[in-house]
Amino acid sequence: MGDHYFSAEPGTASRRATVDLVLRDLHLRLETDRGMFSPDRIDAGTRILLDSVPPPPTEGNLLDVGCGYGPITLTLAARAPGATVYGVDVNRRALELARSNAEAAGLTNVVFGTPEEIDSDLRFAALWSNPPIRIGKAALHELLDTWLARLEPGALAHLVVQKHLGSDSLQRWLTASGRPTTRLASRSSYRILEVKTP
């Protein structure tokens, strides 16, 4: 796969930095590093997702797939302090920073891990994700199939995808695979997709 943000062990030399996540209800300063997704700023799609989605369930297990250094996971944790939020990523450098970002923010209702480290019996009341589109269509479909299947009946997933990176075809695929998907919002070429589980 080479050295990408979706590599388990990025080979890029470390260079720590900080970014600010500023939302209407939350301000977090997050530590980042090279070798992970969007280390220089909060990705525009992530910000649009966090500004656009309805509040998460107040309890249960919540999920962020492709959590990186943690902006979505930590927002879920802050907005739903009675829930347990799981941030999943293959990038171990990003997971290490996500854990330290949670500690710095005083958010204790979070668990970060690789897919293999998350208990396979867990079911989730909601999923929010800026999914790793650049892993390729087949790998993305497999990833989404795996995690969407672990949502509780009737739970919602919210995904942010750029239009030119295939949001419309992803919406069609999700609907065709038995998960009715609607466009909840559209801003700056990003689509927020709401996926309903059976």
Protein backbone atom coordinates (compact mmCIF):
# COMPACT_ATOMS: atom_id res chain seq x y z
CA MET A 1 0.00 0.00 0.00
CA GLY A 2 2.95 2.32 0.45
CA ASP A 3 3.06 5.01 3.08
CA HIS A 4 -0.44 6.46 3.31
CA TYR A 5 -2.60 7.68 6.16
CA PHE A 6 -4.19 4.23 5.99
CA SER A 7 -0.87 2.46 6.60
CA ALA A 8 -0.64 0.65 9.94
CA GLU A 9 2.86 1.97 10.63
CA PRO A 10 3.55 5.21 8.71
CA GLY A 11 7.15 5.53 7.59
CA THR A 12 6.98 9.31 7.35
CA ALA A 13 9.18 11.04 9.91
CA SER A 14 7.26 12.37 12.87
CA ARG A 15 6.60 16.10 13.09
CA ARG A 16 4.02 16.93 15.74
CA ALA A 17 1.67 19.88 15.38
CA THR A 18 -1.64 21.06 16.82
CA VAL A 19 -4.94 21.98 15.21
CA ASP A 20 -8.06 23.57 16.69
CA LEU A 21 -11.48 22.04 16.24
CA VAL A 22 -13.95 24.88 16.78
CA LEU A 23 -17.65 24.02 16.62
CA ARG A 24 -20.71 25.87 17.91
CA ASP A 25 -20.74 23.71 21.06
CA LEU A 26 -17.13 22.62 21.40
CA HIS A 27 -13.51 23.77 21.14
CA LEU A 28 -10.76 21.16 21.19
CA ARG A 29 -7.04 21.59 20.62
CA LEU A 30 -5.78 18.36 19.07
CA GLU A 31 -2.26 17.12 18.58
CA THR A 32 -1.47 15.76 15.12
CA ASP A 33 1.49 14.31 13.28
CA ARG A 34 2.64 13.50 9.78
CA GLY A 35 1.65 10.14 8.35
CA MET A 36 -2.05 10.49 9.17
CA PHE A 37 -5.11 12.02 7.56
CA SER A 38 -5.25 15.85 7.45
CA PRO A 39 -2.49 16.62 9.99
CA ASP A 40 -2.31 20.35 9.18
CA ARG A 41 -5.95 21.30 9.74
CA ILE A 42 -9.34 19.83 10.54
CA ASP A 43 -10.51 18.39 7.22
CA ALA A 44 -13.35 20.40 5.66
CA GLY A 45 -15.49 17.28 5.28
CA THR A 46 -15.07 16.40 8.94
CA ARG A 47 -16.09 19.91 9.96
CA ILE A 48 -19.16 19.81 7.69
CA LEU A 49 -20.15 16.42 9.12
CA LEU A 50 -19.86 17.69 12.69
CA ASP A 51 -21.82 20.85 11.85
CA SER A 52 -24.60 19.02 9.95
CA VAL A 53 -25.61 15.82 11.70
CA PRO A 54 -28.34 15.52 14.34
CA PRO A 55 -27.20 14.91 17.94
CA PRO A 56 -25.97 11.37 18.61
CA PRO A 57 -27.81 8.93 20.87
CA THR A 58 -27.20 9.85 24.50
CA GLU A 59 -26.20 6.33 25.55
CA GLY A 60 -25.02 3.03 24.16
CA ASN A 61 -21.98 2.35 22.00
CA LEU A 62 -21.16 4.86 19.26
CA LEU A 63 -18.64 4.35 16.47
CA ASP A 64 -16.22 6.42 14.36
CA VAL A 65 -14.65 4.41 11.53
CA GLY A 66 -11.31 5.83 10.34
CA CYS A 67 -10.93 7.99 13.42
CA GLY A 68 -7.43 9.34 12.78
CA TYR A 69 -6.27 11.56 15.65
CA GLY A 70 -9.83 11.74 16.95
CA PRO A 71 -11.87 14.82 15.96
CA ILE A 72 -15.10 12.92 15.23
CA THR A 73 -14.71 10.44 18.10
CA LEU A 74 -14.04 13.20 20.63
CA THR A 75 -16.95 15.30 19.38
CA LEU A 76 -19.25 12.30 19.79
CA ALA A 77 -17.84 11.73 23.29
CA ALA A 78 -18.39 15.36 24.29
CA ARG A 79 -21.91 15.47 22.88
CA ALA A 80 -22.93 12.11 24.38
CA PRO A 81 -21.18 11.83 27.75
CA GLY A 82 -23.43 8.92 28.74
CA ALA A 83 -22.31 6.84 25.74
CA THR A 84 -19.11 4.91 25.08
CA VAL A 85 -17.49 6.01 21.83
CA TYR A 86 -15.22 3.70 19.85
CA GLY A 87 -12.67 5.17 17.42
CA VAL A 88 -11.32 2.63 14.95
CA ASP A 89 -8.30 3.05 12.68
CA VAL A 90 -5.49 0.95 11.24
CA ASN A 91 -2.92 3.75 11.74
CA ARG A 92 -1.22 3.13 15.08
CA ARG A 93 0.46 6.54 15.17
CA ALA A 94 -2.95 8.20 14.80
CA LEU A 95 -4.47 5.98 17.51
CA GLU A 96 -1.71 6.92 19.95
CA LEU A 97 -2.43 10.61 19.37
CA ALA A 98 -6.19 10.07 19.59
CA ARG A 99 -5.74 8.53 23.04
CA SER A 100 -3.59 11.44 24.24
CA ASN A 101 -6.04 13.96 22.73
CA ALA A 102 -8.89 12.32 24.67
CA GLU A 103 -6.87 12.48 27.87
CA ALA A 104 -5.97 16.15 27.29
CA ALA A 105 -9.65 16.94 26.70
CA GLY A 106 -10.73 15.08 29.83
CA LEU A 107 -12.94 12.73 27.82
CA THR A 108 -12.94 9.32 29.48
CA ASN A 109 -15.85 7.69 27.61
CA VAL A 110 -13.72 6.73 24.60
CA VAL A 111 -11.98 3.58 23.42
CA PHE A 112 -9.52 3.64 20.52
CA GLY A 113 -8.23 0.59 18.69
CA THR A 114 -7.50 -1.20 15.47
CA PRO A 115 -10.38 -3.21 13.98
CA GLU A 116 -8.96 -6.39 15.51
CA GLU A 117 -8.88 -4.81 18.98
CA ILE A 118 -12.60 -3.96 19.04
CA ASP A 119 -14.76 -6.70 20.58
CA SER A 120 -16.53 -8.42 17.69
CA ASP A 121 -19.69 -8.87 19.80
CA LEU A 122 -20.21 -5.12 20.27
CA ARG A 123 -23.14 -3.50 18.50
CA PHE A 124 -23.43 0.23 17.92
CA ALA A 125 -26.26 2.74 18.26
CA ALA A 126 -24.76 5.15 15.70
CA LEU A 127 -21.84 5.48 13.32
CA TRP A 128 -20.23 8.74 12.17
CA SER A 129 -17.38 8.63 9.68
CA ASN A 130 -15.27 10.49 7.18
CA PRO A 131 -14.41 7.16 5.52
CA PRO A 132 -11.03 6.49 3.87
CA ILE A 133 -12.23 6.81 0.27
CA ARG A 134 -8.71 6.56 -1.16
CA ILE A 135 -8.32 2.91 -0.12
CA GLY A 136 -10.26 2.07 -3.29
CA LYS A 137 -13.87 1.18 -4.02
CA ALA A 138 -13.68 -2.57 -3.29
CA ALA A 139 -11.84 -2.06 0.01
CA LEU A 140 -14.20 0.77 1.00
CA HIS A 141 -17.27 -1.36 0.30
CA GLU A 142 -15.81 -4.19 2.38
CA LEU A 143 -15.00 -1.78 5.22
CA LEU A 144 -18.50 -0.29 5.24
CA ASP A 145 -20.15 -3.71 4.94
CA THR A 146 -18.20 -4.87 7.99
CA TRP A 147 -19.04 -1.95 10.28
CA LEU A 148 -22.56 -1.13 9.10
CA ALA A 149 -23.49 -4.75 9.81
CA ARG A 150 -22.60 -4.09 13.45
CA LEU A 151 -25.17 -1.33 13.91
CA GLU A 152 -28.21 -2.04 16.04
CA PRO A 153 -31.52 -2.44 14.15
CA GLY A 154 -32.80 0.97 13.09
CA ALA A 155 -29.54 2.77 13.95
CA LEU A 156 -28.31 5.53 11.66
CA ALA A 157 -24.89 6.04 10.10
CA HIS A 158 -23.72 9.46 8.90
CA LEU A 159 -20.92 9.58 6.33
CA VAL A 160 -19.24 12.55 4.66
CA VAL A 161 -17.94 12.03 1.11
CA GLN A 162 -16.78 14.49 -1.53
CA LYS A 163 -18.89 14.53 -4.66
CA HIS A 164 -15.91 14.13 -6.99
CA LEU A 165 -14.67 11.17 -4.92
CA GLY A 166 -17.85 9.20 -5.54
CA SER A 167 -20.49 10.24 -3.01
CA ASP A 168 -23.35 9.69 -5.46
CA SER A 169 -22.20 6.23 -6.55
CA LEU A 170 -21.60 5.30 -2.90
CA GLN A 171 -25.15 6.41 -2.07
CA ARG A 172 -26.50 4.20 -4.87
CA TRP A 173 -24.42 1.22 -3.72
CA LEU A 174 -25.52 1.58 -0.10
CA THR A 175 -29.20 1.75 -1.10
CA ALA A 176 -28.85 -1.20 -3.47
CA SER A 177 -27.21 -3.22 -0.68
CA GLY A 178 -30.35 -2.89 1.46
CA ARG A 179 -29.41 0.22 3.43
CA PRO A 180 -31.64 3.11 2.29
CA THR A 181 -29.41 6.18 2.03
CA THR A 182 -30.41 9.81 1.67
CA ARG A 183 -28.42 12.99 1.24
CA LEU A 184 -28.87 14.86 4.52
CA ALA A 185 -26.81 17.91 3.51
CA SER A 186 -24.60 19.19 0.72
CA ARG A 187 -21.94 21.86 1.21
CA SER A 188 -18.74 22.86 -0.59
CA SER A 189 -18.80 19.72 -2.79
CA TYR A 190 -19.27 17.46 0.26
CA ARG A 191 -22.28 15.24 0.77
CA ILE A 192 -23.54 14.08 4.15
CA LEU A 193 -25.13 10.69 3.64
CA GLU A 194 -27.58 9.27 6.18
CA VAL A 195 -27.69 5.48 6.07
CA LYS A 196 -30.56 3.54 7.64
CA THR A 197 -29.94 0.03 8.90
CA PRO A 198 -32.58 -2.71 8.61
